[in-house]
C-alpha atoms as a PDB file:
ATOM      1  CA  MET A   1       0.057  -0.051  -0.006  1.00  0.00           C
ATOM      2  CA  SER A   2       1.495   3.494  -0.980  1.00  0.00           C
ATOM      3  CA  PRO A   3       1.738   6.184   1.082  1.00  0.00           C
ATOM      4  CA  ASN A   4      -0.666   8.278  -1.435  1.00  0.00           C
ATOM      5  CA  THR A   5      -3.332   5.603  -0.680  1.00  0.00           C
ATOM      6  CA  LEU A   6      -3.014   5.996   3.180  1.00  0.00           C
ATOM      7  CA  THR A   7      -3.571   9.842   3.250  1.00  0.00           C
ATOM      8  CA  ARG A   8      -6.346   9.936  -0.046  1.00  0.00           C
ATOM      9  CA  PRO A   9      -9.956  10.255   1.172  1.00  0.00           C
ATOM     10  CA  SER A  10     -11.897   6.974   0.637  1.00  0.00           C
ATOM     11  CA  HIS A  11     -14.520   6.682  -1.922  1.00  0.00           C
ATOM     12  CA  ASP A  12     -17.050   6.621   0.897  1.00  0.00           C
ATOM     13  CA  THR A  13     -15.765   9.444   2.476  1.00  0.00           C
ATOM     14  CA  LEU A  14     -15.993  11.679  -0.831  1.00  0.00           C
ATOM     15  CA  ALA A  15     -19.422  10.223  -1.229  1.00  0.00           C
ATOM     16  CA  GLY A  16     -20.504  11.376   2.188  1.00  0.00           C
ATOM     17  CA  ARG A  17     -19.020  15.094   1.810  1.00  0.00           C
ATOM     18  CA  ALA A  18     -20.953  15.260  -1.515  1.00  0.00           C
ATOM     19  CA  ALA A  19     -24.213  14.094  -0.104  1.00  0.00           C
ATOM     20  CA  LEU A  20     -23.814  16.450   2.919  1.00  0.00           C
ATOM     21  CA  ARG A  21     -23.224  19.351   0.656  1.00  0.00           C
ATOM     22  CA  THR A  22     -26.344  18.374  -1.417  1.00  0.00           C
ATOM     23  CA  LEU A  23     -28.306  17.920   1.919  1.00  0.00           C
ATOM     24  CA  LEU A  24     -27.244  21.325   3.217  1.00  0.00           C
ATOM     25  CA  ARG A  25     -28.451  22.937  -0.109  1.00  0.00           C
ATOM     26  CA  THR A  26     -31.665  20.856  -0.136  1.00  0.00           C
ATOM     27  CA  GLU A  27     -32.296  21.598   3.682  1.00  0.00           C
ATOM     28  CA  THR A  28     -31.659  25.377   3.418  1.00  0.00           C
ATOM     29  CA  ARG A  29     -34.163  25.641   0.396  1.00  0.00           C
ATOM     30  CA  LEU A  30     -36.939  23.767   2.625  1.00  0.00           C
ATOM     31  CA  TYR A  31     -36.113  26.249   5.281  1.00  0.00           C
ATOM     32  CA  LEU A  32     -36.551  29.321   3.010  1.00  0.00           C
ATOM     33  CA  ARG A  33     -39.769  27.992   1.551  1.00  0.00           C
ATOM     34  CA  GLU A  34     -41.339  28.157   5.252  1.00  0.00           C
ATOM     35  CA  PRO A  35     -42.052  31.819   5.755  1.00  0.00           C
ATOM     36  CA  LEU A  36     -43.267  31.341   9.331  1.00  0.00           C
ATOM     37  CA  THR A  37     -39.703  30.159  10.435  1.00  0.00           C
ATOM     38  CA  ALA A  38     -38.173  33.285   9.224  1.00  0.00           C
ATOM     39  CA  PHE A  39     -40.767  35.407  10.793  1.00  0.00           C
ATOM     40  CA  PHE A  40     -40.653  33.785  14.351  1.00  0.00           C
ATOM     41  CA  THR A  41     -36.642  33.815  14.290  1.00  0.00           C
ATOM     42  CA  LEU A  42     -35.981  36.812  12.592  1.00  0.00           C
ATOM     43  CA  LEU A  43     -38.852  39.034  11.730  1.00  0.00           C
ATOM     44  CA  LEU A  44     -40.617  38.826  15.079  1.00  0.00           C
ATOM     45  CA  PRO A  45     -37.536  39.724  17.570  1.00  0.00           C
ATOM     46  CA  LEU A  46     -36.906  42.494  15.111  1.00  0.00           C
ATOM     47  CA  GLY A  47     -40.237  43.692  15.001  1.00  0.00           C
ATOM     48  CA  LEU A  48     -40.454  43.605  18.770  1.00  0.00           C
ATOM     49  CA  LEU A  49     -37.539  45.438  19.229  1.00  0.00           C
ATOM     50  CA  LEU A  50     -38.466  48.082  17.104  1.00  0.00           C
ATOM     51  CA  ILE A  51     -42.029  48.395  18.410  1.00  0.00           C
ATOM     52  CA  LEU A  52     -41.333  48.063  21.937  1.00  0.00           C
ATOM     53  CA  GLY A  53     -38.395  50.472  21.777  1.00  0.00           C
ATOM     54  CA  SER A  54     -40.278  53.256  19.810  1.00  0.00           C
ATOM     55  CA  ALA A  55     -43.769  52.740  21.384  1.00  0.00           C
ATOM     56  CA  ILE A  56     -42.933  53.005  25.014  1.00  0.00           C
ATOM     57  CA  PRO A  57     -41.086  56.035  25.650  1.00  0.00           C
ATOM     58  CA  GLY A  58     -40.018  54.990  29.330  1.00  0.00           C
ATOM     59  CA  PHE A  59     -37.560  52.451  27.432  1.00  0.00           C
ATOM     60  CA  ARG A  60     -35.609  55.263  25.858  1.00  0.00           C
ATOM     61  CA  ASP A  61     -35.181  56.979  29.287  1.00  0.00           C
ATOM     62  CA  PRO A  62     -32.386  56.043  31.675  1.00  0.00           C
ATOM     63  CA  ASP A  63     -33.655  53.777  34.418  1.00  0.00           C
ATOM     64  CA  PRO A  64     -32.311  53.632  37.798  1.00  0.00           C
ATOM     65  CA  ASN A  65     -33.298  50.315  38.415  1.00  0.00           C
ATOM     66  CA  LEU A  66     -30.979  49.311  35.316  1.00  0.00           C
ATOM     67  CA  GLY A  67     -28.069  51.324  36.862  1.00  0.00           C
ATOM     68  CA  GLY A  68     -28.781  54.283  34.525  1.00  0.00           C
ATOM     69  CA  GLU A  69     -29.018  52.697  31.451  1.00  0.00           C
ATOM     70  CA  ARG A  70     -32.097  52.643  29.047  1.00  0.00           C
ATOM     71  CA  VAL A  71     -34.160  49.587  28.534  1.00  0.00           C
ATOM     72  CA  VAL A  72     -33.112  49.797  24.614  1.00  0.00           C
ATOM     73  CA  ASP A  73     -29.325  49.842  25.519  1.00  0.00           C
ATOM     74  CA  THR A  74     -28.862  46.158  26.608  1.00  0.00           C
ATOM     75  CA  GLN A  75     -32.211  44.629  28.533  1.00  0.00           C
ATOM     76  CA  LEU A  76     -34.254  44.936  25.101  1.00  0.00           C
ATOM     77  CA  PRO A  77     -32.099  43.804  22.180  1.00  0.00           C
ATOM     78  CA  VAL A  78     -30.388  40.761  24.408  1.00  0.00           C
ATOM     79  CA  MET A  79     -33.765  39.426  25.274  1.00  0.00           C
ATOM     80  CA  MET A  80     -34.726  39.572  21.807  1.00  0.00           C
ATOM     81  CA  ILE A  81     -31.695  37.642  20.781  1.00  0.00           C
ATOM     82  CA  VAL A  82     -32.393  35.151  23.463  1.00  0.00           C
ATOM     83  CA  LEU A  83     -35.887  34.874  22.251  1.00  0.00           C
ATOM     84  CA  SER A  84     -34.970  33.956  18.759  1.00  0.00           C
ATOM     85  CA  ILE A  85     -32.315  31.302  19.785  1.00  0.00           C
ATOM     86  CA  MET A  86     -34.959  29.955  22.050  1.00  0.00           C
ATOM     87  CA  VAL A  87     -37.637  29.458  19.104  1.00  0.00           C
ATOM     88  CA  SER A  88     -34.973  27.799  17.059  1.00  0.00           C
ATOM     89  CA  ALA A  89     -34.052  25.639  19.927  1.00  0.00           C
ATOM     90  CA  PHE A  90     -37.340  24.538  21.473  1.00  0.00           C
ATOM     91  CA  SER A  91     -39.834  25.028  18.539  1.00  0.00           C
ATOM     92  CA  ILE A  92     -38.197  24.611  15.244  1.00  0.00           C
ATOM     93  CA  ILE A  93     -35.301  21.694  15.747  1.00  0.00           C
ATOM     94  CA  PRO A  94     -37.627  19.747  17.653  1.00  0.00           C
ATOM     95  CA  SER A  95     -40.593  19.675  15.521  1.00  0.00           C
ATOM     96  CA  VAL A  96     -38.483  19.123  12.216  1.00  0.00           C
ATOM     97  CA  LEU A  97     -36.850  16.065  13.724  1.00  0.00           C
ATOM     98  CA  ALA A  98     -39.956  14.771  14.848  1.00  0.00           C
ATOM     99  CA  VAL A  99     -41.547  14.952  11.363  1.00  0.00           C
ATOM    100  CA  TYR A 100     -38.653  13.059   9.929  1.00  0.00           C
ATOM    101  CA  ARG A 101     -38.605  10.526  12.347  1.00  0.00           C
ATOM    102  CA  GLU A 102     -42.535  10.033  11.706  1.00  0.00           C
ATOM    103  CA  ARG A 103     -42.224  10.000   7.931  1.00  0.00           C
ATOM    104  CA  GLY A 104     -39.075   7.649   8.301  1.00  0.00           C
ATOM    105  CA  VAL A 105     -36.843   9.719   6.408  1.00  0.00           C
ATOM    106  CA  LEU A 106     -34.006   9.324   9.304  1.00  0.00           C
ATOM    107  CA  ARG A 107     -34.558   5.496   8.804  1.00  0.00           C
ATOM    108  CA  ARG A 108     -34.352   5.591   5.007  1.00  0.00           C
ATOM    109  CA  MET A 109     -31.174   8.101   5.454  1.00  0.00           C
ATOM    110  CA  SER A 110     -29.311   5.430   7.423  1.00  0.00           C
ATOM    111  CA  VAL A 111     -28.947   3.199   4.319  1.00  0.00           C
ATOM    112  CA  THR A 112     -27.496   6.398   2.105  1.00  0.00           C
ATOM    113  CA  PRO A 113     -24.515   8.016   2.035  1.00  0.00           C
ATOM    114  CA  VAL A 114     -25.930  10.962   3.997  1.00  0.00           C
ATOM    115  CA  SER A 115     -25.932   9.442   7.735  1.00  0.00           C
ATOM    116  CA  PRO A 116     -28.590  10.809  10.138  1.00  0.00           C
ATOM    117  CA  GLY A 117     -25.864  12.355  11.840  1.00  0.00           C
ATOM    118  CA  ALA A 118     -25.362  14.340   8.641  1.00  0.00           C
ATOM    119  CA  LEU A 119     -29.084  15.599   8.687  1.00  0.00           C
ATOM    120  CA  LEU A 120     -28.648  16.637  12.456  1.00  0.00           C
ATOM    121  CA  LEU A 121     -25.464  18.594  11.429  1.00  0.00           C
ATOM    122  CA  THR A 122     -27.184  20.433   8.721  1.00  0.00           C
ATOM    123  CA  GLN A 123     -30.211  21.251  11.020  1.00  0.00           C
ATOM    124  CA  LEU A 124     -27.812  23.053  13.646  1.00  0.00           C
ATOM    125  CA  VAL A 125     -26.027  24.838  10.917  1.00  0.00           C
ATOM    126  CA  ILE A 126     -28.760  26.303   9.371  1.00  0.00           C
ATOM    127  CA  ASN A 127     -30.342  27.497  12.912  1.00  0.00           C
ATOM    128  CA  LEU A 128     -26.945  28.997  13.860  1.00  0.00           C
ATOM    129  CA  VAL A 129     -26.722  30.960  10.764  1.00  0.00           C
ATOM    130  CA  THR A 130     -30.212  32.105  11.527  1.00  0.00           C
ATOM    131  CA  THR A 131     -29.490  33.153  15.170  1.00  0.00           C
ATOM    132  CA  VAL A 132     -26.344  34.837  14.051  1.00  0.00           C
ATOM    133  CA  VAL A 133     -27.842  37.041  11.561  1.00  0.00           C
ATOM    134  CA  ALA A 134     -30.718  37.682  14.252  1.00  0.00           C
ATOM    135  CA  ALA A 135     -28.061  38.886  16.615  1.00  0.00           C
ATOM    136  CA  LEU A 136     -26.322  40.960  13.999  1.00  0.00           C
ATOM    137  CA  LEU A 137     -30.042  42.511  13.285  1.00  0.00           C
ATOM    138  CA  MET A 138     -30.555  43.361  16.826  1.00  0.00           C
ATOM    139  CA  ILE A 139     -27.192  44.847  17.301  1.00  0.00           C
ATOM    140  CA  MET A 140     -27.336  47.088  14.196  1.00  0.00           C
ATOM    141  CA  CYS A 141     -30.942  48.070  14.354  1.00  0.00           C
ATOM    142  CA  GLY A 142     -30.225  48.925  17.824  1.00  0.00           C
ATOM    143  CA  SER A 143     -27.429  51.135  17.066  1.00  0.00           C
ATOM    144  CA  LEU A 144     -29.251  53.077  13.910  1.00  0.00           C
ATOM    145  CA  VAL A 145     -32.510  53.393  15.360  1.00  0.00           C
ATOM    146  CA  PHE A 146     -31.991  54.136  19.126  1.00  0.00           C
ATOM    147  CA  GLY A 147     -28.486  54.928  19.264  1.00  0.00           C
ATOM    148  CA  THR A 148     -27.229  51.986  21.456  1.00  0.00           C
ATOM    149  CA  ARG A 149     -23.506  51.318  21.223  1.00  0.00           C
ATOM    150  CA  MET A 150     -22.064  48.097  19.996  1.00  0.00           C
ATOM    151  CA  PRO A 151     -21.255  45.397  22.566  1.00  0.00           C
ATOM    152  CA  THR A 152     -18.018  46.863  23.986  1.00  0.00           C
ATOM    153  CA  GLN A 153     -16.553  43.572  25.037  1.00  0.00           C
ATOM    154  CA  LEU A 154     -16.858  41.577  21.642  1.00  0.00           C
ATOM    155  CA  PRO A 155     -14.797  38.469  22.473  1.00  0.00           C
ATOM    156  CA  VAL A 156     -16.412  37.966  25.534  1.00  0.00           C
ATOM    157  CA  PHE A 157     -19.929  38.618  24.005  1.00  0.00           C
ATOM    158  CA  ALA A 158     -19.186  36.124  21.435  1.00  0.00           C
ATOM    159  CA  LEU A 159     -17.918  33.527  23.784  1.00  0.00           C
ATOM    160  CA  ALA A 160     -21.258  33.921  25.964  1.00  0.00           C
ATOM    161  CA  PHE A 161     -23.240  33.514  22.734  1.00  0.00           C
ATOM    162  CA  VAL A 162     -21.301  30.418  21.667  1.00  0.00           C
ATOM    163  CA  LEU A 163     -22.041  28.775  25.121  1.00  0.00           C
ATOM    164  CA  GLY A 164     -25.624  29.912  25.091  1.00  0.00           C
ATOM    165  CA  VAL A 165     -26.486  28.620  21.530  1.00  0.00           C
ATOM    166  CA  CYS A 166     -24.766  25.223  21.930  1.00  0.00           C
ATOM    167  CA  GLY A 167     -26.610  24.917  25.416  1.00  0.00           C
ATOM    168  CA  LEU A 168     -29.985  25.853  24.024  1.00  0.00           C
ATOM    169  CA  PHE A 169     -29.880  23.630  21.111  1.00  0.00           C
ATOM    170  CA  ALA A 170     -28.761  20.889  22.717  1.00  0.00           C
ATOM    171  CA  LEU A 171     -31.664  21.050  25.020  1.00  0.00           C
ATOM    172  CA  GLY A 172     -33.797  21.284  22.041  1.00  0.00           C
ATOM    173  CA  LEU A 173     -32.108  18.039  20.554  1.00  0.00           C
ATOM    174  CA  CYS A 174     -33.305  16.601  23.963  1.00  0.00           C
ATOM    175  CA  LEU A 175     -36.521  17.591  23.489  1.00  0.00           C
ATOM    176  CA  ALA A 176     -36.210  16.071  19.937  1.00  0.00           C
ATOM    177  CA  ALA A 177     -35.425  12.888  21.529  1.00  0.00           C
ATOM    178  CA  VAL A 178     -38.399  12.284  23.561  1.00  0.00           C
ATOM    179  CA  VAL A 179     -41.247  13.806  21.715  1.00  0.00           C
ATOM    180  CA  PRO A 180     -43.476  10.997  20.175  1.00  0.00           C
ATOM    181  CA  ASN A 181     -44.435  13.202  17.220  1.00  0.00           C
ATOM    182  CA  SER A 182     -44.564  16.443  15.676  1.00  0.00           C
ATOM    183  CA  ARG A 183     -47.923  17.648  17.439  1.00  0.00           C
ATOM    184  CA  VAL A 184     -46.463  17.158  20.888  1.00  0.00           C
ATOM    185  CA  ALA A 185     -43.062  18.667  19.552  1.00  0.00           C
ATOM    186  CA  GLY A 186     -44.614  22.388  19.745  1.00  0.00           C
ATOM    187  CA  GLY A 187     -46.363  22.022  23.098  1.00  0.00           C
ATOM    188  CA  LEU A 188     -43.493  20.442  25.013  1.00  0.00           C
ATOM    189  CA  GLY A 189     -41.310  23.100  23.552  1.00  0.00           C
ATOM    190  CA  SER A 190     -43.367  26.080  24.780  1.00  0.00           C
ATOM    191  CA  VAL A 191     -43.719  24.146  28.554  1.00  0.00           C
ATOM    192  CA  VAL A 192     -40.101  24.151  28.375  1.00  0.00           C
ATOM    193  CA  MET A 193     -39.370  27.784  27.010  1.00  0.00           C
ATOM    194  CA  PHE A 194     -41.953  29.951  28.838  1.00  0.00           C
ATOM    195  CA  PRO A 195     -40.588  29.396  32.250  1.00  0.00           C
ATOM    196  CA  LEU A 196     -36.946  29.786  30.918  1.00  0.00           C
ATOM    197  CA  MET A 197     -38.120  33.117  29.314  1.00  0.00           C
ATOM    198  CA  PHE A 198     -39.364  34.183  32.206  1.00  0.00           C
ATOM    199  CA  LEU A 199     -36.057  33.562  34.578  1.00  0.00           C
ATOM    200  CA  ALA A 200     -34.019  35.226  31.497  1.00  0.00           C
ATOM    201  CA  GLY A 201     -35.831  38.552  32.292  1.00  0.00           C
ATOM    202  CA  MET A 202     -38.083  38.485  29.261  1.00  0.00           C
ATOM    203  CA  TRP A 203     -40.972  39.989  31.030  1.00  0.00           C
ATOM    204  CA  VAL A 204     -39.569  41.317  34.010  1.00  0.00           C
ATOM    205  CA  PRO A 205     -35.895  42.818  34.075  1.00  0.00           C
ATOM    206  CA  ARG A 206     -33.788  40.293  36.315  1.00  0.00           C
ATOM    207  CA  GLU A 207     -32.961  43.721  38.477  1.00  0.00           C
ATOM    208  CA  LEU A 208     -36.757  43.935  39.661  1.00  0.00           C
ATOM    209  CA  MET A 209     -37.183  40.001  40.253  1.00  0.00           C
ATOM    210  CA  PRO A 210     -37.179  39.132  44.114  1.00  0.00           C
ATOM    211  CA  GLU A 211     -33.782  37.792  44.900  1.00  0.00           C
ATOM    212  CA  ILE A 212     -34.749  34.120  45.202  1.00  0.00           C
ATOM    213  CA  LEU A 213     -35.894  34.108  41.345  1.00  0.00           C
ATOM    214  CA  ARG A 214     -32.649  36.054  40.323  1.00  0.00           C
ATOM    215  CA  GLU A 215     -30.703  33.194  42.213  1.00  0.00           C
ATOM    216  CA  ILE A 216     -32.689  30.421  40.502  1.00  0.00           C
ATOM    217  CA  GLY A 217     -32.323  32.342  36.966  1.00  0.00           C
ATOM    218  CA  ASP A 218     -28.342  32.590  37.884  1.00  0.00           C
ATOM    219  CA  PHE A 219     -28.333  28.897  37.176  1.00  0.00           C
ATOM    220  CA  THR A 220     -30.440  28.470  34.207  1.00  0.00           C
ATOM    221  CA  PRO A 221     -29.310  28.588  30.455  1.00  0.00           C
ATOM    222  CA  THR A 222     -31.514  31.705  29.623  1.00  0.00           C
ATOM    223  CA  GLY A 223     -31.074  33.524  32.965  1.00  0.00           C
ATOM    224  CA  ALA A 224     -27.002  33.146  32.828  1.00  0.00           C
ATOM    225  CA  PHE A 225     -27.034  33.529  29.149  1.00  0.00           C
ATOM    226  CA  GLY A 226     -29.008  36.883  29.046  1.00  0.00           C
ATOM    227  CA  GLN A 227     -26.993  38.325  31.893  1.00  0.00           C
ATOM    228  CA  ALA A 228     -23.685  37.560  30.703  1.00  0.00           C
ATOM    229  CA  LEU A 229     -24.665  38.925  27.151  1.00  0.00           C
ATOM    230  CA  ARG A 230     -26.087  42.043  28.800  1.00  0.00           C
ATOM    231  CA  ASP A 231     -22.740  42.647  30.693  1.00  0.00           C
ATOM    232  CA  ALA A 232     -20.285  42.171  27.997  1.00  0.00           C
ATOM    233  CA  TRP A 233     -22.485  44.394  25.775  1.00  0.00           C
ATOM    234  CA  ALA A 234     -22.382  47.091  28.495  1.00  0.00           C
ATOM    235  CA  GLY A 235     -18.939  46.976  29.151  1.00  0.00           C
ATOM    236  CA  THR A 236     -18.486  44.976  32.400  1.00  0.00           C
ATOM    237  CA  THR A 237     -16.887  41.454  32.504  1.00  0.00           C
ATOM    238  CA  PRO A 238     -19.707  38.668  32.846  1.00  0.00           C
ATOM    239  CA  GLU A 239     -19.527  36.864  36.244  1.00  0.00           C
ATOM    240  CA  THR A 240     -17.573  33.556  36.221  1.00  0.00           C
ATOM    241  CA  LEU A 241     -20.663  31.773  37.712  1.00  0.00           C
ATOM    242  CA  HIS A 242     -22.728  32.904  34.565  1.00  0.00           C
ATOM    243  CA  LEU A 243     -20.009  31.694  31.879  1.00  0.00           C
ATOM    244  CA  ALA A 244     -19.372  28.319  34.226  1.00  0.00           C
ATOM    245  CA  VAL A 245     -23.227  27.655  34.070  1.00  0.00           C
ATOM    246  CA  LEU A 246     -23.380  28.008  30.395  1.00  0.00           C
ATOM    247  CA  ALA A 247     -20.516  25.921  29.695  1.00  0.00           C
ATOM    248  CA  ALA A 248     -22.016  23.398  32.048  1.00  0.00           C
ATOM    249  CA  TRP A 249     -25.363  23.273  30.451  1.00  0.00           C
ATOM    250  CA  ALA A 250     -23.717  23.410  26.718  1.00  0.00           C
ATOM    251  CA  VAL A 251     -21.529  20.159  28.070  1.00  0.00           C
ATOM    252  CA  ALA A 252     -23.866  18.363  30.083  1.00  0.00           C
ATOM    253  CA  ALA A 253     -27.064  19.000  27.382  1.00  0.00           C
ATOM    254  CA  THR A 254     -24.739  17.924  24.557  1.00  0.00           C
ATOM    255  CA  LEU A 255     -23.997  14.674  26.121  1.00  0.00           C
ATOM    256  CA  LEU A 256     -27.526  13.999  27.120  1.00  0.00           C
ATOM    257  CA  ALA A 257     -28.930  14.586  23.784  1.00  0.00           C
ATOM    258  CA  ALA A 258     -26.261  12.093  22.309  1.00  0.00           C
ATOM    259  CA  ARG A 259     -27.159   9.357  24.966  1.00  0.00           C
ATOM    260  CA  THR A 260     -31.149   9.844  24.273  1.00  0.00           C
ATOM    261  CA  PHE A 261     -31.504  10.983  20.821  1.00  0.00           C
ATOM    262  CA  ARG A 262     -33.104   8.275  18.452  1.00  0.00           C
ATOM    263  CA  TRP A 263     -33.474   8.220  14.840  1.00  0.00           C
ATOM    264  CA  GLU A 264     -36.245   5.834  14.819  1.00  0.00           C
END
């Protein structure tokens, strides 16, 4: 056997890569053909940011409860970023995979060059790109419309963003592992999503929550996620606790998803 043979990719590997590229293109087209998907992940959070920031004058005034910053400075855009990610994690990903499991798509893929794992990877990539676009839209629109500054500690902001996305997407895969069908996926996703939204400070800023709720929120993926993003955006170094919580959720949820996820 020659050295070139050892280093040259096998035929199966090349076929798998080609199939993965084809699958990514196909899944992207299917994703873009669903207008509701783009609405809930991109347009709805952006619309809420613009409507709430414009319609409620108090959101544009310095708030002593928020340390003198305005709601539109970090609180509102960060919550809309978290909302976009949660919709992808707890609604879109579980629903799509549940439908594919019901229709036998995953079972049929297991005997093709495209493995079920490739399908999972394409879903994660597509939704990750969507959430990055959503975050950039919130940042740019906040700056252009309300005069908010760009995230000050950008590397830490990016680190918290990646950890939060990994943890929430992995939790979404855990939901996809237990939902029996697509009808249950949406309801179960909402049951998980809405309490986490509250603890993140979606409806009541964390500064106004009772201390016990803030402490509980510190150990949830959304509470730690939202606070770490706000701190990094405002120029304050996020607490080590929040970054550690995000990392722990990302690792634990990924391992749990790998153990529990089923293709049939």
